[in-house]
Every structure is written in C-alpha cells, then in structure tokens.
C-alpha cells in the first residue's frame, strides 16, 4: 500500500513501539493496513447500492454495445472539458480577521498590582462553589 497511515498512540504504547525491532514494526504496519483495507472493503460493499446490480446484464447481447457507448461518451466529454493552466489564475485573498468582541480587552490589567489579588479571589470563590455542589 503506497499511502501512509497515521495513528495516534498513547505514551505507553509509543514507548513500547520504540523498543521493538524494525521487522516487528513492519509486521504491525502490514496487519494494520490489512485490517483497514478489510474494513474499507466491507463498508464500500455494504454502502454501495450499485453492488446489487453488478453483473446483472453481463449475458445481455446489448451489454457490450452499451459499455462501448459509455466509454465513447466519456472520451468525448473529457475532450470537451479539458482544462489547461491558462484557464486558471492565482489570486491572493485576504481572510477576514475573526477577533472575538472581548479580544480588545485581553491583557489590559496584566500590569495592574491588584490583578493577582483579583485572580486569587476568583479562584477562592470557584473552590467554594465547587465544595457547595459536592
């Protein structure tokens, strides 16, 4: 399989993974890929309503004619809808600044000597409220 798979590991698992050999790592990677492919295949087959119709017309004498027509139409469609680089241009777009309405007030009291006392009082009140709820 050519695409990479990224999996988040817990710290313990990551440490264990670091201490195993490259051969074991490859075996684990192959097993993970196999499991993912198996799940994807199950999902694709069960969710795709066209699977029920697969092969339904394979013995129909007009089937090959229909397939040839579809292929020809696809080629014509592709030829009519070819895109080249001259049809596209780059344009720089400035994204709007999404500032919260309170953003202008952030840090305005950081140098105030009473700020630490206010924070301590807030923390004390929070602890009291938590104790009351328990």
C-alpha atoms as a PDB file:
ATOM      1  CA  UNK A   1       0.000   0.000   0.000  1.00  0.00           C
ATOM      2  CA  UNK A   2       1.509   3.339  -1.037  1.00  0.00           C
ATOM      3  CA  UNK A   3      -0.368   5.764   1.197  1.00  0.00           C
ATOM      4  CA  UNK A   4       0.827   6.371   4.715  1.00  0.00           C
ATOM      5  CA  UNK A   5      -1.379   5.775   7.699  1.00  0.00           C
ATOM      6  CA  UNK A   6      -1.032   7.940  10.768  1.00  0.00           C
ATOM      7  CA  UNK A   7      -2.246   6.589  14.084  1.00  0.00           C
ATOM      8  CA  UNK A   8      -2.042   8.357  17.433  1.00  0.00           C
ATOM      9  CA  UNK A   9      -0.541   6.179  20.131  1.00  0.00           C
ATOM     10  CA  UNK A  10      -0.673   6.617  23.881  1.00  0.00           C
ATOM     11  CA  UNK A  11       2.657   7.417  25.537  1.00  0.00           C
ATOM     12  CA  UNK A  12       2.944   3.868  26.883  1.00  0.00           C
ATOM     13  CA  UNK A  13       2.218   2.331  23.501  1.00  0.00           C
ATOM     14  CA  UNK A  14       4.642   4.708  21.797  1.00  0.00           C
ATOM     15  CA  UNK A  15       7.416   3.695  24.213  1.00  0.00           C
ATOM     16  CA  UNK A  16       6.718   0.009  23.634  1.00  0.00           C
ATOM     17  CA  UNK A  17       6.661   0.595  19.871  1.00  0.00           C
ATOM     18  CA  UNK A  18      10.087   2.272  20.031  1.00  0.00           C
ATOM     19  CA  UNK A  19      11.608  -0.794  21.673  1.00  0.00           C
ATOM     20  CA  UNK A  20      10.601  -3.373  19.065  1.00  0.00           C
ATOM     21  CA  UNK A  21      12.582  -4.372  16.011  1.00  0.00           C
ATOM     22  CA  UNK A  22      12.030  -2.948  12.528  1.00  0.00           C
ATOM     23  CA  UNK A  23      10.792  -6.355  11.368  1.00  0.00           C
ATOM     24  CA  UNK A  24       8.130  -6.378  14.070  1.00  0.00           C
ATOM     25  CA  UNK A  25       7.188  -2.796  13.184  1.00  0.00           C
ATOM     26  CA  UNK A  26       6.716  -3.839   9.546  1.00  0.00           C
ATOM     27  CA  UNK A  27       4.540  -6.776  10.626  1.00  0.00           C
ATOM     28  CA  UNK A  28       2.415  -4.462  12.758  1.00  0.00           C
ATOM     29  CA  UNK A  29       2.118  -1.948   9.906  1.00  0.00           C
ATOM     30  CA  UNK A  30       1.047  -4.669   7.458  1.00  0.00           C
ATOM     31  CA  UNK A  31      -1.525  -6.011   9.914  1.00  0.00           C
ATOM     32  CA  UNK A  32      -2.945  -2.514  10.458  1.00  0.00           C
ATOM     33  CA  UNK A  33      -3.151  -1.927   6.700  1.00  0.00           C
ATOM     34  CA  UNK A  34      -4.814  -5.308   6.229  1.00  0.00           C
ATOM     35  CA  UNK A  35      -7.395  -4.533   8.920  1.00  0.00           C
ATOM     36  CA  UNK A  36      -8.123  -1.089   7.480  1.00  0.00           C
ATOM     37  CA  UNK A  37      -8.469  -2.442   3.939  1.00  0.00           C
ATOM     38  CA  UNK A  38     -10.786  -5.166   5.191  1.00  0.00           C
ATOM     39  CA  UNK A  39     -12.979  -2.587   6.972  1.00  0.00           C
ATOM     40  CA  UNK A  40     -12.988  -0.279   3.957  1.00  0.00           C
ATOM     41  CA  UNK A  41     -13.979  -3.136   1.665  1.00  0.00           C
ATOM     42  CA  UNK A  42     -16.824  -4.157   3.969  1.00  0.00           C
ATOM     43  CA  UNK A  43     -18.012  -0.572   4.203  1.00  0.00           C
ATOM     44  CA  UNK A  44     -17.809   0.062   0.457  1.00  0.00           C
ATOM     45  CA  UNK A  45     -19.691  -3.107  -0.419  1.00  0.00           C
ATOM     46  CA  UNK A  46     -22.396  -2.682   2.187  1.00  0.00           C
ATOM     47  CA  UNK A  47     -22.945   1.023   1.486  1.00  0.00           C
ATOM     48  CA  UNK A  48     -22.831   0.928  -2.317  1.00  0.00           C
ATOM     49  CA  UNK A  49     -26.336   0.264  -3.704  1.00  0.00           C
ATOM     50  CA  UNK A  50     -24.928  -0.474  -7.176  1.00  0.00           C
ATOM     51  CA  UNK A  51     -23.268  -3.673  -5.903  1.00  0.00           C
ATOM     52  CA  UNK A  52     -26.662  -5.413  -6.101  1.00  0.00           C
ATOM     53  CA  UNK A  53     -26.734  -4.745  -9.847  1.00  0.00           C
ATOM     54  CA  UNK A  54     -23.150  -5.817 -10.561  1.00  0.00           C
ATOM     55  CA  UNK A  55     -23.078  -8.409 -13.351  1.00  0.00           C
ATOM     56  CA  UNK A  56     -26.835  -8.319 -13.849  1.00  0.00           C
ATOM     57  CA  UNK A  57     -26.545  -7.634 -17.593  1.00  0.00           C
ATOM     58  CA  UNK A  58     -23.324  -9.498 -18.353  1.00  0.00           C
ATOM     59  CA  UNK A  59     -25.132 -12.021 -20.580  1.00  0.00           C
ATOM     60  CA  UNK A  60     -27.236  -9.388 -22.350  1.00  0.00           C
ATOM     61  CA  UNK A  61     -26.182  -9.074 -26.036  1.00  0.00           C
ATOM     62  CA  UNK A  62     -26.504  -5.281 -25.852  1.00  0.00           C
ATOM     63  CA  UNK A  63     -24.257  -5.020 -22.802  1.00  0.00           C
ATOM     64  CA  UNK A  64     -21.029  -4.664 -24.808  1.00  0.00           C
ATOM     65  CA  UNK A  65     -22.670  -2.126 -27.107  1.00  0.00           C
ATOM     66  CA  UNK A  66     -23.823  -0.090 -24.103  1.00  0.00           C
ATOM     67  CA  UNK A  67     -20.371  -0.237 -22.485  1.00  0.00           C
ATOM     68  CA  UNK A  68     -18.744   0.924 -25.750  1.00  0.00           C
ATOM     69  CA  UNK A  69     -21.200   3.821 -25.962  1.00  0.00           C
ATOM     70  CA  UNK A  70     -20.490   4.839 -22.347  1.00  0.00           C
ATOM     71  CA  UNK A  71     -16.743   4.727 -22.964  1.00  0.00           C
ATOM     72  CA  UNK A  72     -17.075   6.769 -26.165  1.00  0.00           C
ATOM     73  CA  UNK A  73     -19.251   9.347 -24.415  1.00  0.00           C
ATOM     74  CA  UNK A  74     -16.732   9.553 -21.573  1.00  0.00           C
ATOM     75  CA  UNK A  75     -13.902  10.226 -24.025  1.00  0.00           C
ATOM     76  CA  UNK A  76     -15.932  12.911 -25.817  1.00  0.00           C
ATOM     77  CA  UNK A  77     -16.896  14.507 -22.525  1.00  0.00           C
ATOM     78  CA  UNK A  78     -13.271  14.546 -21.362  1.00  0.00           C
ATOM     79  CA  UNK A  79     -12.129  16.076 -24.677  1.00  0.00           C
ATOM     80  CA  UNK A  80     -14.751  18.843 -24.450  1.00  0.00           C
ATOM     81  CA  UNK A  81     -13.949  19.609 -20.845  1.00  0.00           C
ATOM     82  CA  UNK A  82     -10.164  19.662 -20.917  1.00  0.00           C
ATOM     83  CA  UNK A  83      -8.736  22.267 -18.583  1.00  0.00           C
ATOM     84  CA  UNK A  84      -5.383  23.863 -19.043  1.00  0.00           C
ATOM     85  CA  UNK A  85      -3.378  26.187 -16.848  1.00  0.00           C
ATOM     86  CA  UNK A  86      -4.359  29.262 -18.877  1.00  0.00           C
ATOM     87  CA  UNK A  87      -7.954  28.911 -17.661  1.00  0.00           C
ATOM     88  CA  UNK A  88      -6.899  29.366 -14.058  1.00  0.00           C
ATOM     89  CA  UNK A  89      -5.215  32.270 -12.372  1.00  0.00           C
ATOM     90  CA  UNK A  90      -3.890  32.769  -8.892  1.00  0.00           C
ATOM     91  CA  UNK A  91      -5.457  35.411  -6.753  1.00  0.00           C
ATOM     92  CA  UNK A  92      -4.434  36.312  -3.258  1.00  0.00           C
ATOM     93  CA  UNK A  93      -7.387  36.659  -0.943  1.00  0.00           C
ATOM     94  CA  UNK A  94      -7.131  38.380   2.405  1.00  0.00           C
ATOM     95  CA  UNK A  95      -9.056  36.467   5.021  1.00  0.00           C
ATOM     96  CA  UNK A  96     -11.140  38.495   7.434  1.00  0.00           C
ATOM     97  CA  UNK A  97      -9.830  38.779  10.959  1.00  0.00           C
ATOM     98  CA  UNK A  98     -12.144  36.893  13.267  1.00  0.00           C
ATOM     99  CA  UNK A  99     -11.499  38.664  16.518  1.00  0.00           C
ATOM    100  CA  UNK A 100     -13.722  37.980  19.451  1.00  0.00           C
ATOM    101  CA  UNK A 101     -15.529  41.053  20.758  1.00  0.00           C
ATOM    102  CA  UNK A 102     -13.575  40.763  24.005  1.00  0.00           C
ATOM    103  CA  UNK A 103     -10.230  40.495  22.229  1.00  0.00           C
ATOM    104  CA  UNK A 104      -9.586  44.224  22.632  1.00  0.00           C
ATOM    105  CA  UNK A 105      -9.662  43.831  26.421  1.00  0.00           C
ATOM    106  CA  UNK A 106      -7.241  40.904  26.637  1.00  0.00           C
ATOM    107  CA  UNK A 107      -4.245  41.716  28.835  1.00  0.00           C
ATOM    108  CA  UNK A 108      -5.386  45.201  29.767  1.00  0.00           C
ATOM    109  CA  UNK A 109      -4.876  44.532  33.511  1.00  0.00           C
ATOM    110  CA  UNK A 110      -1.735  42.423  33.310  1.00  0.00           C
ATOM    111  CA  UNK A 111       0.457  45.155  34.849  1.00  0.00           C
ATOM    112  CA  UNK A 112      -2.073  46.191  37.492  1.00  0.00           C
ATOM    113  CA  UNK A 113      -0.767  45.296  41.000  1.00  0.00           C
ATOM    114  CA  UNK A 114      -4.281  44.319  42.123  1.00  0.00           C
ATOM    115  CA  UNK A 115      -4.687  41.795  39.292  1.00  0.00           C
ATOM    116  CA  UNK A 116      -3.055  38.941  41.215  1.00  0.00           C
ATOM    117  CA  UNK A 117      -5.359  39.594  44.193  1.00  0.00           C
ATOM    118  CA  UNK A 118      -8.429  39.554  41.943  1.00  0.00           C
ATOM    119  CA  UNK A 119      -7.331  36.240  40.382  1.00  0.00           C
ATOM    120  CA  UNK A 120      -6.792  34.741  43.845  1.00  0.00           C
ATOM    121  CA  UNK A 121     -10.260  35.899  44.935  1.00  0.00           C
ATOM    122  CA  UNK A 122     -11.837  34.389  41.809  1.00  0.00           C
ATOM    123  CA  UNK A 123     -10.098  31.075  42.483  1.00  0.00           C
ATOM    124  CA  UNK A 124     -11.262  31.079  46.110  1.00  0.00           C
ATOM    125  CA  UNK A 125     -14.861  31.732  45.031  1.00  0.00           C
ATOM    126  CA  UNK A 126     -14.686  28.921  42.476  1.00  0.00           C
ATOM    127  CA  UNK A 127     -13.416  26.489  45.098  1.00  0.00           C
ATOM    128  CA  UNK A 128     -16.234  27.481  47.466  1.00  0.00           C
ATOM    129  CA  UNK A 129     -18.813  26.935  44.751  1.00  0.00           C
ATOM    130  CA  UNK A 130     -17.329  23.542  43.891  1.00  0.00           C
ATOM    131  CA  UNK A 131     -17.436  22.470  47.547  1.00  0.00           C
ATOM    132  CA  UNK A 132     -21.070  23.554  47.835  1.00  0.00           C
ATOM    133  CA  UNK A 133     -22.033  21.489  44.783  1.00  0.00           C
ATOM    134  CA  UNK A 134     -20.432  18.344  46.181  1.00  0.00           C
END
